[in-house]
């Protein structure tokens, strides 16, 4: 099963002094997409309040591939690049008019919010994660070098 794309429009206050979307707002849009994925996997607001648990991003890597202008519609598609008992590795691709403009991969840990410690996903969440497409894009896992 595939995750539904997340879409949003580029807002005026997202535009920087160079006339295109500022780097912080790429991350904001990717964050909104992560929240949509959490909702789809059952890690929604109700889960977070009743289970006292959530997904915490502990590492992220963004690639800025093209400029994005005011008024553009962003479509962010996401695949699960990997998962384990307490971990979720997501790979987001941001498109504008069908063109890839940015990618982000995140490593999220399932955290008991009362204790602040990692905890295993409950069986129903593990099953939901397993039911979705798992694929590692070729760009995933890159490192930064000069």
N, C-alpha and C. Protein backbone atom coordinates (compact mmCIF):
# COMPACT_ATOMS: atom_id res chain seq x y z
N UNK A 1 0.86 -1.17 0.00
CA UNK A 1 0.00 0.00 0.00
C UNK A 1 0.91 1.24 0.00
N UNK A 2 0.51 2.23 -0.78
CA UNK A 2 1.28 3.48 -0.86
C UNK A 2 0.68 4.53 0.07
N UNK A 3 1.53 5.41 0.54
CA UNK A 3 1.08 6.56 1.33
C UNK A 3 0.56 7.64 0.40
N UNK A 4 -0.47 8.34 0.82
CA UNK A 4 -1.04 9.43 0.02
C UNK A 4 -0.08 10.62 -0.02
N UNK A 5 0.05 11.29 -1.17
CA UNK A 5 0.88 12.49 -1.23
C UNK A 5 0.30 13.60 -0.35
N UNK A 6 1.18 14.46 0.12
CA UNK A 6 0.79 15.65 0.86
C UNK A 6 0.97 16.84 -0.07
N UNK A 7 -0.01 17.73 -0.13
CA UNK A 7 0.12 18.91 -0.98
C UNK A 7 -0.14 20.18 -0.17
N UNK A 8 0.55 21.24 -0.58
CA UNK A 8 0.33 22.56 0.01
C UNK A 8 0.86 23.62 -0.96
N UNK A 9 0.42 24.84 -0.77
CA UNK A 9 0.88 25.95 -1.60
C UNK A 9 1.97 26.74 -0.91
N UNK A 10 2.86 27.31 -1.70
CA UNK A 10 3.94 28.15 -1.17
C UNK A 10 3.36 29.51 -0.79
N UNK A 11 3.57 29.91 0.45
CA UNK A 11 3.04 31.14 1.00
C UNK A 11 4.02 32.30 0.80
N UNK A 12 3.50 33.52 0.81
CA UNK A 12 4.33 34.72 0.59
C UNK A 12 5.45 34.83 1.62
N UNK A 13 5.16 34.50 2.87
CA UNK A 13 6.20 34.62 3.90
C UNK A 13 7.23 33.50 3.85
N UNK A 14 7.09 32.57 2.92
CA UNK A 14 8.07 31.51 2.71
C UNK A 14 9.15 31.94 1.71
N UNK A 15 8.97 33.09 1.10
CA UNK A 15 9.89 33.57 0.05
C UNK A 15 10.99 34.40 0.70
N UNK A 16 12.25 34.11 0.31
CA UNK A 16 13.39 34.80 0.92
C UNK A 16 13.88 35.96 0.06
N UNK A 17 14.98 36.55 0.48
CA UNK A 17 15.58 37.71 -0.17
C UNK A 17 16.09 37.40 -1.58
N UNK A 18 16.17 36.14 -1.97
CA UNK A 18 16.57 35.76 -3.33
C UNK A 18 15.36 35.55 -4.25
N UNK A 19 14.16 35.70 -3.69
CA UNK A 19 12.95 35.59 -4.50
C UNK A 19 12.43 34.18 -4.67
N UNK A 20 12.94 33.24 -3.88
CA UNK A 20 12.40 31.88 -3.94
C UNK A 20 12.23 31.33 -2.52
N UNK A 21 11.67 30.15 -2.40
CA UNK A 21 11.36 29.58 -1.10
C UNK A 21 12.63 29.40 -0.27
N UNK A 22 12.59 29.90 0.95
CA UNK A 22 13.72 29.79 1.87
C UNK A 22 13.89 28.36 2.36
N UNK A 23 15.12 28.00 2.65
CA UNK A 23 15.42 26.61 3.05
C UNK A 23 14.60 26.15 4.25
N UNK A 24 14.32 27.02 5.18
CA UNK A 24 13.55 26.63 6.37
C UNK A 24 12.16 26.14 6.00
N UNK A 25 11.59 26.68 4.94
CA UNK A 25 10.22 26.33 4.58
C UNK A 25 10.13 25.03 3.79
N UNK A 26 11.22 24.61 3.16
CA UNK A 26 11.27 23.26 2.61
C UNK A 26 11.10 22.28 3.78
N UNK A 27 11.86 22.54 4.85
CA UNK A 27 11.81 21.66 6.02
C UNK A 27 10.43 21.71 6.67
N UNK A 28 9.81 22.89 6.73
CA UNK A 28 8.46 23.00 7.27
C UNK A 28 7.48 22.15 6.48
N UNK A 29 7.51 22.27 5.15
CA UNK A 29 6.61 21.49 4.31
C UNK A 29 6.87 19.99 4.48
N UNK A 30 8.14 19.60 4.54
CA UNK A 30 8.45 18.19 4.79
C UNK A 30 7.92 17.76 6.16
N UNK A 31 7.98 18.64 7.15
CA UNK A 31 7.44 18.34 8.47
C UNK A 31 5.94 18.10 8.43
N UNK A 32 5.23 18.91 7.64
CA UNK A 32 3.79 18.69 7.46
C UNK A 32 3.54 17.33 6.83
N UNK A 33 4.38 16.95 5.86
CA UNK A 33 4.23 15.64 5.21
C UNK A 33 4.49 14.52 6.20
N UNK A 34 5.47 14.70 7.08
CA UNK A 34 5.75 13.70 8.11
C UNK A 34 4.54 13.53 9.02
N UNK A 35 3.91 14.63 9.41
CA UNK A 35 2.71 14.55 10.25
C UNK A 35 1.60 13.80 9.53
N UNK A 36 1.44 14.04 8.23
CA UNK A 36 0.42 13.33 7.45
C UNK A 36 0.72 11.83 7.42
N UNK A 37 1.99 11.46 7.29
CA UNK A 37 2.38 10.05 7.32
C UNK A 37 2.07 9.45 8.69
N UNK A 38 2.41 10.19 9.74
CA UNK A 38 2.11 9.70 11.10
C UNK A 38 0.62 9.43 11.24
N UNK A 39 -0.20 10.35 10.75
CA UNK A 39 -1.66 10.16 10.82
C UNK A 39 -2.07 8.90 10.07
N UNK A 40 -1.50 8.69 8.88
CA UNK A 40 -1.84 7.52 8.06
C UNK A 40 -1.43 6.21 8.73
N UNK A 41 -0.38 6.26 9.52
CA UNK A 41 0.12 5.04 10.17
C UNK A 41 -0.52 4.79 11.54
N UNK A 42 -1.41 5.69 11.96
CA UNK A 42 -2.06 5.52 13.25
C UNK A 42 -1.37 6.23 14.39
N UNK A 43 -0.35 7.02 14.08
CA UNK A 43 0.37 7.79 15.10
C UNK A 43 -0.20 9.21 15.17
N UNK A 44 -1.51 9.29 15.08
CA UNK A 44 -2.20 10.58 14.99
C UNK A 44 -2.37 11.23 16.37
N UNK A 45 -3.07 12.35 16.39
CA UNK A 45 -3.24 13.12 17.62
C UNK A 45 -3.88 12.28 18.72
N UNK A 46 -4.89 11.48 18.38
CA UNK A 46 -5.55 10.64 19.38
C UNK A 46 -4.55 9.62 19.95
N UNK A 47 -3.77 8.98 19.09
CA UNK A 47 -2.75 8.04 19.55
C UNK A 47 -1.75 8.73 20.48
N UNK A 48 -1.27 9.89 20.06
CA UNK A 48 -0.26 10.60 20.85
C UNK A 48 -0.78 10.94 22.25
N UNK A 49 -2.06 11.31 22.35
CA UNK A 49 -2.60 11.67 23.66
C UNK A 49 -2.95 10.44 24.50
N UNK A 50 -3.52 9.41 23.89
CA UNK A 50 -3.92 8.23 24.68
C UNK A 50 -2.75 7.31 24.99
N UNK A 51 -1.79 7.18 24.09
CA UNK A 51 -0.65 6.28 24.30
C UNK A 51 0.52 6.98 24.99
N UNK A 52 0.44 8.30 25.08
CA UNK A 52 1.57 9.10 25.60
C UNK A 52 2.86 8.71 24.88
N UNK A 53 2.77 8.67 23.55
CA UNK A 53 3.92 8.30 22.72
C UNK A 53 3.82 9.07 21.41
N UNK A 54 4.97 9.26 20.78
CA UNK A 54 5.01 9.97 19.51
C UNK A 54 6.27 9.57 18.75
N UNK A 55 6.36 10.05 17.53
CA UNK A 55 7.54 9.85 16.71
C UNK A 55 8.37 11.13 16.79
N UNK A 56 9.63 11.00 17.19
CA UNK A 56 10.54 12.14 17.27
C UNK A 56 11.57 12.02 16.17
N UNK A 57 11.73 13.07 15.39
CA UNK A 57 12.79 13.09 14.37
C UNK A 57 14.12 13.33 15.08
N UNK A 58 15.06 12.42 14.85
CA UNK A 58 16.38 12.55 15.48
C UNK A 58 17.50 12.81 14.47
N UNK A 59 17.18 12.64 13.18
CA UNK A 59 18.15 12.94 12.15
C UNK A 59 17.40 13.23 10.86
N UNK A 60 17.92 14.19 10.08
CA UNK A 60 17.30 14.53 8.80
C UNK A 60 18.38 14.96 7.82
N UNK A 61 18.12 14.70 6.55
CA UNK A 61 19.03 15.13 5.48
C UNK A 61 18.17 15.67 4.34
N UNK A 62 18.39 16.94 4.01
CA UNK A 62 17.63 17.61 2.96
C UNK A 62 18.54 17.89 1.78
N UNK A 63 18.01 17.67 0.57
CA UNK A 63 18.71 18.08 -0.65
C UNK A 63 17.81 19.09 -1.36
N UNK A 64 18.37 20.27 -1.63
CA UNK A 64 17.67 21.33 -2.36
C UNK A 64 18.09 21.23 -3.81
N UNK A 65 17.18 20.81 -4.69
CA UNK A 65 17.54 20.51 -6.07
C UNK A 65 17.13 21.59 -7.06
N UNK A 66 16.14 22.40 -6.69
CA UNK A 66 15.69 23.45 -7.59
C UNK A 66 14.96 24.52 -6.78
N UNK A 67 14.93 25.73 -7.32
CA UNK A 67 14.23 26.83 -6.68
C UNK A 67 12.73 26.65 -6.81
N UNK A 68 12.00 27.16 -5.82
CA UNK A 68 10.55 27.10 -5.82
C UNK A 68 10.03 28.52 -5.63
N UNK A 69 9.04 28.90 -6.44
CA UNK A 69 8.53 30.27 -6.44
C UNK A 69 7.22 30.40 -5.68
N UNK A 70 6.89 31.64 -5.37
CA UNK A 70 5.63 31.97 -4.71
C UNK A 70 4.47 31.43 -5.53
N UNK A 71 3.51 30.83 -4.84
CA UNK A 71 2.31 30.33 -5.47
C UNK A 71 2.41 28.92 -6.01
N UNK A 72 3.60 28.34 -6.01
CA UNK A 72 3.76 26.96 -6.49
C UNK A 72 3.00 26.01 -5.57
N UNK A 73 2.53 24.93 -6.15
CA UNK A 73 1.91 23.87 -5.37
C UNK A 73 2.94 22.77 -5.17
N UNK A 74 3.19 22.45 -3.91
CA UNK A 74 4.13 21.39 -3.57
C UNK A 74 3.37 20.08 -3.43
N UNK A 75 3.89 19.03 -4.03
CA UNK A 75 3.37 17.68 -3.82
C UNK A 75 4.51 16.86 -3.24
N UNK A 76 4.29 16.34 -2.05
CA UNK A 76 5.32 15.57 -1.37
C UNK A 76 4.86 14.12 -1.27
N UNK A 77 5.65 13.24 -1.90
CA UNK A 77 5.38 11.82 -1.82
C UNK A 77 6.37 11.20 -0.83
N UNK A 78 5.93 10.17 -0.16
CA UNK A 78 6.74 9.56 0.88
C UNK A 78 6.70 8.05 0.77
N UNK A 79 7.86 7.43 0.97
CA UNK A 79 7.93 5.98 1.12
C UNK A 79 8.64 5.68 2.44
N UNK A 80 8.34 4.52 2.96
CA UNK A 80 9.05 4.04 4.14
C UNK A 80 10.33 3.39 3.64
N UNK A 81 11.46 3.98 3.98
CA UNK A 81 12.76 3.46 3.54
C UNK A 81 13.25 2.34 4.45
N UNK A 82 12.72 2.28 5.65
CA UNK A 82 13.10 1.23 6.58
C UNK A 82 12.34 1.40 7.88
N UNK A 83 12.29 0.32 8.63
CA UNK A 83 11.64 0.37 9.93
C UNK A 83 12.21 -0.73 10.81
N UNK A 84 12.10 -0.51 12.10
CA UNK A 84 12.51 -1.48 13.11
C UNK A 84 11.58 -1.30 14.30
N UNK A 85 11.82 -2.01 15.37
CA UNK A 85 10.92 -2.03 16.53
C UNK A 85 10.63 -0.64 17.07
N UNK A 86 11.64 0.25 17.05
CA UNK A 86 11.49 1.59 17.61
C UNK A 86 11.79 2.69 16.60
N UNK A 87 12.06 2.33 15.34
CA UNK A 87 12.56 3.30 14.36
C UNK A 87 11.70 3.33 13.11
N UNK A 88 11.68 4.50 12.49
CA UNK A 88 11.01 4.66 11.20
C UNK A 88 11.87 5.58 10.34
N UNK A 89 12.25 5.11 9.16
CA UNK A 89 13.08 5.86 8.22
C UNK A 89 12.17 6.23 7.05
N UNK A 90 11.90 7.53 6.90
CA UNK A 90 11.03 8.01 5.82
C UNK A 90 11.85 8.72 4.76
N UNK A 91 11.43 8.59 3.51
CA UNK A 91 12.05 9.27 2.39
C UNK A 91 10.97 10.09 1.67
N UNK A 92 11.11 11.42 1.74
CA UNK A 92 10.17 12.35 1.11
C UNK A 92 10.77 12.88 -0.19
N UNK A 93 9.92 13.02 -1.20
CA UNK A 93 10.30 13.71 -2.44
C UNK A 93 9.30 14.83 -2.69
N UNK A 94 9.82 16.05 -2.89
CA UNK A 94 8.99 17.22 -3.14
C UNK A 94 9.00 17.53 -4.63
N UNK A 95 7.81 17.64 -5.20
CA UNK A 95 7.67 17.93 -6.63
C UNK A 95 6.86 19.21 -6.83
N UNK A 96 7.19 19.94 -7.88
CA UNK A 96 6.39 21.06 -8.37
C UNK A 96 6.15 20.81 -9.84
N UNK A 97 4.88 20.75 -10.23
CA UNK A 97 4.51 20.48 -11.63
C UNK A 97 5.22 19.26 -12.18
N UNK A 98 5.35 18.22 -11.35
CA UNK A 98 5.96 16.97 -11.78
C UNK A 98 7.47 16.91 -11.73
N UNK A 99 8.12 18.03 -11.41
CA UNK A 99 9.59 18.07 -11.34
C UNK A 99 10.05 17.93 -9.90
N UNK A 100 11.06 17.10 -9.68
CA UNK A 100 11.63 16.91 -8.36
C UNK A 100 12.43 18.15 -7.98
N UNK A 101 12.07 18.79 -6.85
CA UNK A 101 12.75 20.02 -6.43
C UNK A 101 13.52 19.84 -5.13
N UNK A 102 13.19 18.82 -4.34
CA UNK A 102 13.90 18.59 -3.08
C UNK A 102 13.59 17.19 -2.56
N UNK A 103 14.50 16.69 -1.73
CA UNK A 103 14.26 15.43 -1.03
C UNK A 103 14.62 15.62 0.44
N UNK A 104 14.01 14.82 1.26
CA UNK A 104 14.38 14.77 2.68
C UNK A 104 14.20 13.35 3.16
N UNK A 105 15.18 12.88 3.90
CA UNK A 105 14.98 11.62 4.60
C UNK A 105 15.12 11.90 6.09
N UNK A 106 14.30 11.23 6.85
CA UNK A 106 14.35 11.40 8.30
C UNK A 106 14.43 10.05 8.98
N UNK A 107 15.06 10.06 10.13
CA UNK A 107 15.02 8.92 11.03
C UNK A 107 14.21 9.36 12.24
N UNK A 108 13.12 8.67 12.47
CA UNK A 108 12.27 8.95 13.61
C UNK A 108 12.33 7.82 14.61
N UNK A 109 12.31 8.18 15.88
CA UNK A 109 12.26 7.20 16.96
C UNK A 109 10.92 7.30 17.67
N UNK A 110 10.36 6.14 18.01
CA UNK A 110 9.13 6.09 18.77
C UNK A 110 9.49 6.33 20.23
N UNK A 111 8.89 7.37 20.83
CA UNK A 111 9.27 7.81 22.17
C UNK A 111 8.06 7.82 23.09
N UNK A 112 8.26 7.28 24.28
CA UNK A 112 7.30 7.39 25.37
C UNK A 112 7.44 8.82 25.90
N UNK A 113 6.44 9.64 25.68
CA UNK A 113 6.57 11.06 26.03
C UNK A 113 6.58 11.30 27.54
N UNK A 114 6.07 10.37 28.32
CA UNK A 114 6.10 10.52 29.78
C UNK A 114 7.51 10.33 30.33
N UNK A 115 8.23 9.35 29.78
CA UNK A 115 9.57 9.05 30.30
C UNK A 115 10.67 9.69 29.46
N UNK A 116 10.35 10.02 28.20
CA UNK A 116 11.37 10.55 27.30
C UNK A 116 12.27 9.47 26.72
N UNK A 117 11.94 8.22 26.94
CA UNK A 117 12.73 7.10 26.44
C UNK A 117 12.09 6.50 25.20
N UNK A 118 12.93 5.88 24.38
CA UNK A 118 12.37 5.18 23.23
C UNK A 118 11.57 3.98 23.69
N UNK A 119 10.58 3.62 22.87
CA UNK A 119 9.74 2.46 23.18
C UNK A 119 9.36 1.78 21.87
N UNK A 120 9.06 0.50 21.94
CA UNK A 120 8.68 -0.23 20.73
C UNK A 120 7.30 0.23 20.28
N UNK A 121 7.11 0.20 18.95
CA UNK A 121 5.78 0.48 18.41
C UNK A 121 4.83 -0.62 18.91
N UNK A 122 3.59 -0.27 19.21
CA UNK A 122 2.62 -1.32 19.55
C UNK A 122 2.37 -2.20 18.32
N UNK A 123 1.92 -3.44 18.55
CA UNK A 123 1.73 -4.38 17.43
C UNK A 123 0.86 -3.84 16.30
N UNK A 124 -0.21 -3.10 16.61
CA UNK A 124 -1.09 -2.60 15.55
C UNK A 124 -0.39 -1.55 14.68
N UNK A 125 0.48 -0.75 15.27
CA UNK A 125 1.24 0.24 14.49
C UNK A 125 2.29 -0.47 13.66
N UNK A 126 2.96 -1.46 14.25
CA UNK A 126 3.95 -2.25 13.51
C UNK A 126 3.30 -2.90 12.29
N UNK A 127 2.10 -3.44 12.45
CA UNK A 127 1.39 -4.07 11.33
C UNK A 127 1.03 -3.04 10.27
N UNK A 128 0.60 -1.86 10.68
CA UNK A 128 0.26 -0.82 9.71
C UNK A 128 1.50 -0.37 8.95
N UNK A 129 2.61 -0.17 9.65
CA UNK A 129 3.86 0.19 8.98
C UNK A 129 4.24 -0.89 7.96
N UNK A 130 4.13 -2.15 8.36
CA UNK A 130 4.50 -3.26 7.48
C UNK A 130 3.60 -3.34 6.24
N UNK A 131 2.37 -2.86 6.35
CA UNK A 131 1.43 -2.95 5.23
C UNK A 131 1.70 -1.91 4.14
N UNK A 132 2.55 -0.94 4.42
CA UNK A 132 2.86 0.10 3.45
C UNK A 132 4.15 -0.22 2.69
N UNK A 133 4.23 0.36 1.51
CA UNK A 133 5.39 0.16 0.65
C UNK A 133 6.69 0.52 1.37
N UNK A 134 7.66 -0.38 1.30
CA UNK A 134 9.01 -0.12 1.81
C UNK A 134 9.95 -0.12 0.60
N UNK A 135 10.63 1.00 0.41
CA UNK A 135 11.56 1.12 -0.71
C UNK A 135 12.58 2.18 -0.35
N UNK A 136 13.83 1.90 -0.63
CA UNK A 136 14.87 2.88 -0.37
C UNK A 136 15.26 3.54 -1.69
N UNK A 137 14.97 4.84 -1.85
CA UNK A 137 15.35 5.54 -3.09
C UNK A 137 16.86 5.55 -3.27
N UNK A 138 17.30 5.65 -4.50
CA UNK A 138 18.75 5.64 -4.78
C UNK A 138 19.48 6.81 -4.15
N UNK A 139 18.80 7.90 -3.86
CA UNK A 139 19.45 9.07 -3.26
C UNK A 139 19.56 8.97 -1.74
N UNK A 140 18.90 8.00 -1.15
CA UNK A 140 18.87 7.88 0.31
C UNK A 140 20.22 7.42 0.85
N UNK A 141 20.58 7.95 2.00
CA UNK A 141 21.81 7.52 2.67
C UNK A 141 23.07 8.25 2.24
N UNK A 142 22.91 9.28 1.43
CA UNK A 142 24.08 10.05 0.99
C UNK A 142 24.68 10.83 2.15
N UNK A 143 25.95 11.12 2.04
CA UNK A 143 26.60 11.95 3.04
C UNK A 143 27.03 13.25 2.38
N UNK A 144 27.35 14.24 3.19
CA UNK A 144 27.81 15.53 2.70
C UNK A 144 29.31 15.51 2.62
N UNK A 145 29.84 15.95 1.48
CA UNK A 145 31.30 16.04 1.35
C UNK A 145 31.63 17.21 0.41
N UNK A 146 32.84 17.71 0.55
CA UNK A 146 33.27 18.84 -0.28
C UNK A 146 33.85 18.34 -1.59
